[in-house]
Amino acid sequence: MARENGVWLLTAVWLSAIGAGLWLWERYDTTPGAAGTPAALENAPTHRWQLTVFVHPRCPCSRATLVELAQLAAAAPDLSVRILFVVPRGVGSGWAQGPLWVEAGRMPGVSVDLDPDGAQARLFGAETSGHAVLTAPDGAVVFSGGLTPGRGRPGEGLARRAVLGWMRGGTGASTAPVFGCELLPPGA
């Protein structure tokens, strides 16, 4: 009888540990990263909608951002898309040109470039990989936030609806949580 009770107790502890681990994992996946405040940007009118996306070249969550970005670009062919891979100070540009760089470069009509020392990221208030900024044709920033509904999870969320809403009707959400890795080390 004592052995049987021990098995039940061990099973209960084991199942509790699994449940706690799954809860912690889910909590991590759905906790957004930092979203900074953009500087007072004075963008020149471009006469096109411009989406600028900041990516950490080695963030595993950013693959979902690229998937979502490809679907968004396909749904809005008039959207000009620019992906900037943030390169921390003291790291060579080759560090950024890995699998995500190659994947981004394959996206039709998308401009891919480096953001040395995160200068552009700071200007746009981007602190977390996957941060996107939508600029209207008149140069006004109308959306600043993440493209994915969770960490490493592609899929239609608030951001896609916001970007398409702004482009099609002139209204939409102005922000969404950003899920990804820190773009720059603290204090950089």
Protein backbone atom coordinates (compact mmCIF):
# COMPACT_ATOMS: atom_id res chain seq x y z
CA MET A 1 0.00 0.00 0.00
CA ALA A 2 2.82 2.42 0.89
CA ARG A 3 4.49 1.64 -2.45
CA GLU A 4 1.25 2.34 -4.30
CA ASN A 5 0.85 5.69 -2.48
CA GLY A 6 4.46 6.57 -3.35
CA VAL A 7 3.78 5.90 -7.05
CA TRP A 8 0.70 8.14 -6.93
CA LEU A 9 2.64 10.88 -5.16
CA LEU A 10 5.52 10.64 -7.63
CA THR A 11 3.05 10.76 -10.54
CA ALA A 12 1.33 13.84 -9.08
CA VAL A 13 4.67 15.62 -8.58
CA TRP A 14 5.78 14.70 -12.11
CA LEU A 15 2.53 15.95 -13.68
CA SER A 16 2.71 19.16 -11.61
CA ALA A 17 6.27 19.78 -12.82
CA ILE A 18 5.19 19.28 -16.45
CA GLY A 19 2.25 21.64 -15.96
CA ALA A 20 4.45 24.29 -14.35
CA GLY A 21 6.99 23.99 -17.17
CA LEU A 22 4.31 24.39 -19.82
CA TRP A 23 2.87 27.38 -17.98
CA LEU A 24 6.30 29.05 -17.78
CA TRP A 25 6.95 28.36 -21.47
CA GLU A 26 3.59 29.83 -22.47
CA ARG A 27 4.19 32.85 -20.26
CA TYR A 28 7.58 33.44 -21.94
CA ASP A 29 6.06 33.05 -25.42
CA THR A 30 3.34 35.61 -24.73
CA THR A 31 5.37 38.23 -22.86
CA PRO A 32 6.30 41.07 -25.19
CA GLY A 33 9.71 42.69 -25.31
CA ALA A 34 10.45 46.34 -24.67
CA ALA A 35 8.94 48.86 -27.04
CA GLY A 36 10.77 52.16 -26.97
CA THR A 37 9.46 55.55 -27.85
CA PRO A 38 10.37 56.83 -31.30
CA ALA A 39 12.14 60.14 -31.54
CA ALA A 40 10.17 62.96 -33.10
CA LEU A 41 10.64 61.73 -36.64
CA GLU A 42 10.37 64.17 -39.47
CA ASN A 43 10.09 61.92 -42.47
CA ALA A 44 9.96 63.42 -45.91
CA PRO A 45 6.86 62.48 -47.87
CA THR A 46 7.51 59.37 -49.94
CA HIS A 47 4.14 59.12 -51.67
CA ARG A 48 4.17 55.42 -50.65
CA TRP A 49 3.41 53.47 -47.53
CA GLN A 50 6.74 52.41 -45.96
CA LEU A 51 7.15 49.58 -43.44
CA THR A 52 10.53 49.47 -41.71
CA VAL A 53 11.24 46.31 -39.71
CA PHE A 54 14.16 45.92 -37.28
CA VAL A 55 15.58 42.43 -36.86
CA HIS A 56 18.20 40.85 -34.63
CA PRO A 57 20.09 38.59 -37.05
CA ARG A 58 20.31 35.69 -34.60
CA CYS A 59 16.93 35.86 -32.90
CA PRO A 60 15.02 32.58 -33.44
CA CYS A 61 11.73 34.45 -32.97
CA SER A 62 12.48 36.61 -36.02
CA ARG A 63 11.73 33.79 -38.46
CA ALA A 64 8.05 34.21 -37.52
CA THR A 65 8.37 37.95 -38.17
CA LEU A 66 9.69 37.25 -41.67
CA VAL A 67 6.84 34.80 -42.35
CA GLU A 68 4.29 37.38 -41.23
CA LEU A 69 6.05 40.11 -43.20
CA ALA A 70 5.95 38.03 -46.40
CA GLN A 71 2.21 37.49 -45.99
CA LEU A 72 1.65 41.17 -45.26
CA ALA A 73 3.69 42.23 -48.31
CA ALA A 74 1.69 39.82 -50.50
CA ALA A 75 -1.58 41.29 -49.20
CA ALA A 76 -0.37 44.86 -49.79
CA PRO A 77 1.67 45.04 -53.00
CA ASP A 78 1.84 48.86 -52.78
CA LEU A 79 3.69 48.61 -49.46
CA SER A 80 7.40 49.47 -49.58
CA VAL A 81 9.19 47.16 -47.11
CA ARG A 82 12.64 47.72 -45.64
CA ILE A 83 14.27 45.24 -43.24
CA LEU A 84 17.18 46.50 -41.18
CA PHE A 85 19.39 43.95 -39.44
CA VAL A 86 20.78 45.55 -36.30
CA VAL A 87 24.51 45.05 -35.80
CA PRO A 88 25.86 45.86 -32.31
CA ARG A 89 28.98 47.98 -31.93
CA GLY A 90 32.22 46.06 -32.32
CA VAL A 91 30.66 43.25 -34.37
CA GLY A 92 31.47 42.88 -38.06
CA SER A 93 28.71 43.10 -40.69
CA GLY A 94 29.25 39.45 -41.64
CA TRP A 95 27.83 38.51 -38.22
CA ALA A 96 24.40 39.66 -39.43
CA GLN A 97 24.43 37.89 -42.77
CA GLY A 98 23.22 34.45 -41.70
CA PRO A 99 20.10 32.39 -42.45
CA LEU A 100 17.62 35.17 -41.61
CA TRP A 101 19.49 37.58 -43.89
CA VAL A 102 19.30 35.06 -46.74
CA GLU A 103 15.59 34.43 -46.10
CA ALA A 104 14.85 38.17 -46.03
CA GLY A 105 16.83 38.69 -49.24
CA ARG A 106 14.60 36.18 -51.04
CA MET A 107 11.47 38.19 -50.35
CA PRO A 108 10.36 39.93 -53.57
CA GLY A 109 10.33 43.71 -53.50
CA VAL A 110 11.88 43.92 -50.02
CA SER A 111 14.95 46.05 -49.32
CA VAL A 112 17.41 44.44 -46.86
CA ASP A 113 20.21 46.40 -45.21
CA LEU A 114 22.32 46.69 -42.07
CA ASP A 115 21.77 49.07 -39.17
CA PRO A 116 25.27 49.53 -37.74
CA ASP A 117 25.28 50.21 -34.00
CA GLY A 118 21.46 50.27 -34.08
CA ALA A 119 21.39 53.96 -35.04
CA GLN A 120 18.13 53.66 -37.00
CA ALA A 121 16.62 51.33 -34.38
CA ARG A 122 17.21 53.96 -31.69
CA LEU A 123 15.74 56.69 -33.87
CA PHE A 124 12.58 54.64 -34.44
CA GLY A 125 12.38 53.50 -30.79
CA ALA A 126 12.93 49.83 -31.70
CA GLU A 127 14.33 47.81 -28.79
CA THR A 128 13.06 44.33 -29.63
CA SER A 129 13.58 42.22 -32.75
CA GLY A 130 10.52 42.29 -34.98
CA HIS A 131 9.65 45.92 -34.25
CA ALA A 132 7.94 47.45 -37.29
CA VAL A 133 7.18 51.08 -38.06
CA LEU A 134 4.58 52.06 -40.68
CA THR A 135 5.04 55.47 -42.25
CA ALA A 136 2.23 57.02 -44.28
CA PRO A 137 2.87 58.57 -47.70
CA ASP A 138 2.89 62.03 -46.07
CA GLY A 139 5.77 60.96 -43.76
CA ALA A 140 3.71 60.50 -40.58
CA VAL A 141 4.39 57.44 -38.41
CA VAL A 142 0.99 55.78 -37.93
CA PHE A 143 1.96 52.39 -36.45
CA SER A 144 4.86 51.22 -34.30
CA GLY A 145 4.94 47.71 -32.86
CA GLY A 146 5.35 44.00 -33.47
CA LEU A 147 4.05 41.97 -36.39
CA THR A 148 3.51 38.59 -34.70
CA PRO A 149 0.83 37.59 -32.18
CA GLY A 150 3.41 35.85 -29.94
CA ARG A 151 7.09 35.01 -29.57
CA GLY A 152 8.09 32.93 -32.59
CA ARG A 153 4.45 32.56 -33.66
CA PRO A 154 3.45 33.70 -37.13
CA GLY A 155 -0.18 34.38 -37.84
CA GLU A 156 -2.62 37.18 -38.40
CA GLY A 157 -2.80 39.46 -35.46
CA LEU A 158 -3.39 43.04 -34.50
CA ALA A 159 -0.43 44.33 -36.53
CA ARG A 160 -1.50 42.92 -39.89
CA ARG A 161 -5.01 44.28 -39.43
CA ALA A 162 -3.57 47.66 -38.37
CA VAL A 163 -1.19 47.99 -41.32
CA LEU A 164 -3.84 46.95 -43.84
CA GLY A 165 -6.41 49.17 -42.13
CA TRP A 166 -4.15 52.20 -42.38
CA MET A 167 -3.33 51.49 -46.00
CA ARG A 168 -6.89 50.75 -47.11
CA GLY A 169 -8.99 53.05 -45.01
CA GLY A 170 -6.74 55.42 -43.17
CA THR A 171 -7.42 54.01 -39.70
CA GLY A 172 -6.04 51.24 -37.54
CA ALA A 173 -4.27 50.50 -34.28
CA SER A 174 -1.22 52.64 -33.64
CA THR A 175 0.74 50.01 -31.71
CA ALA A 176 1.00 46.28 -30.94
CA PRO A 177 3.21 44.26 -28.57
CA VAL A 178 6.62 43.24 -29.94
CA PHE A 179 7.76 39.64 -29.40
CA GLY A 180 11.43 38.87 -29.93
CA CYS A 181 14.97 39.19 -28.63
CA GLU A 182 16.60 42.41 -27.46
CA LEU A 183 18.07 44.25 -30.46
CA LEU A 184 21.06 45.67 -28.61
CA PRO A 185 22.81 44.65 -25.41
CA PRO A 186 21.89 46.77 -22.38
CA GLY A 187 23.83 50.03 -22.27
CA ALA A 188 24.87 49.78 -25.94
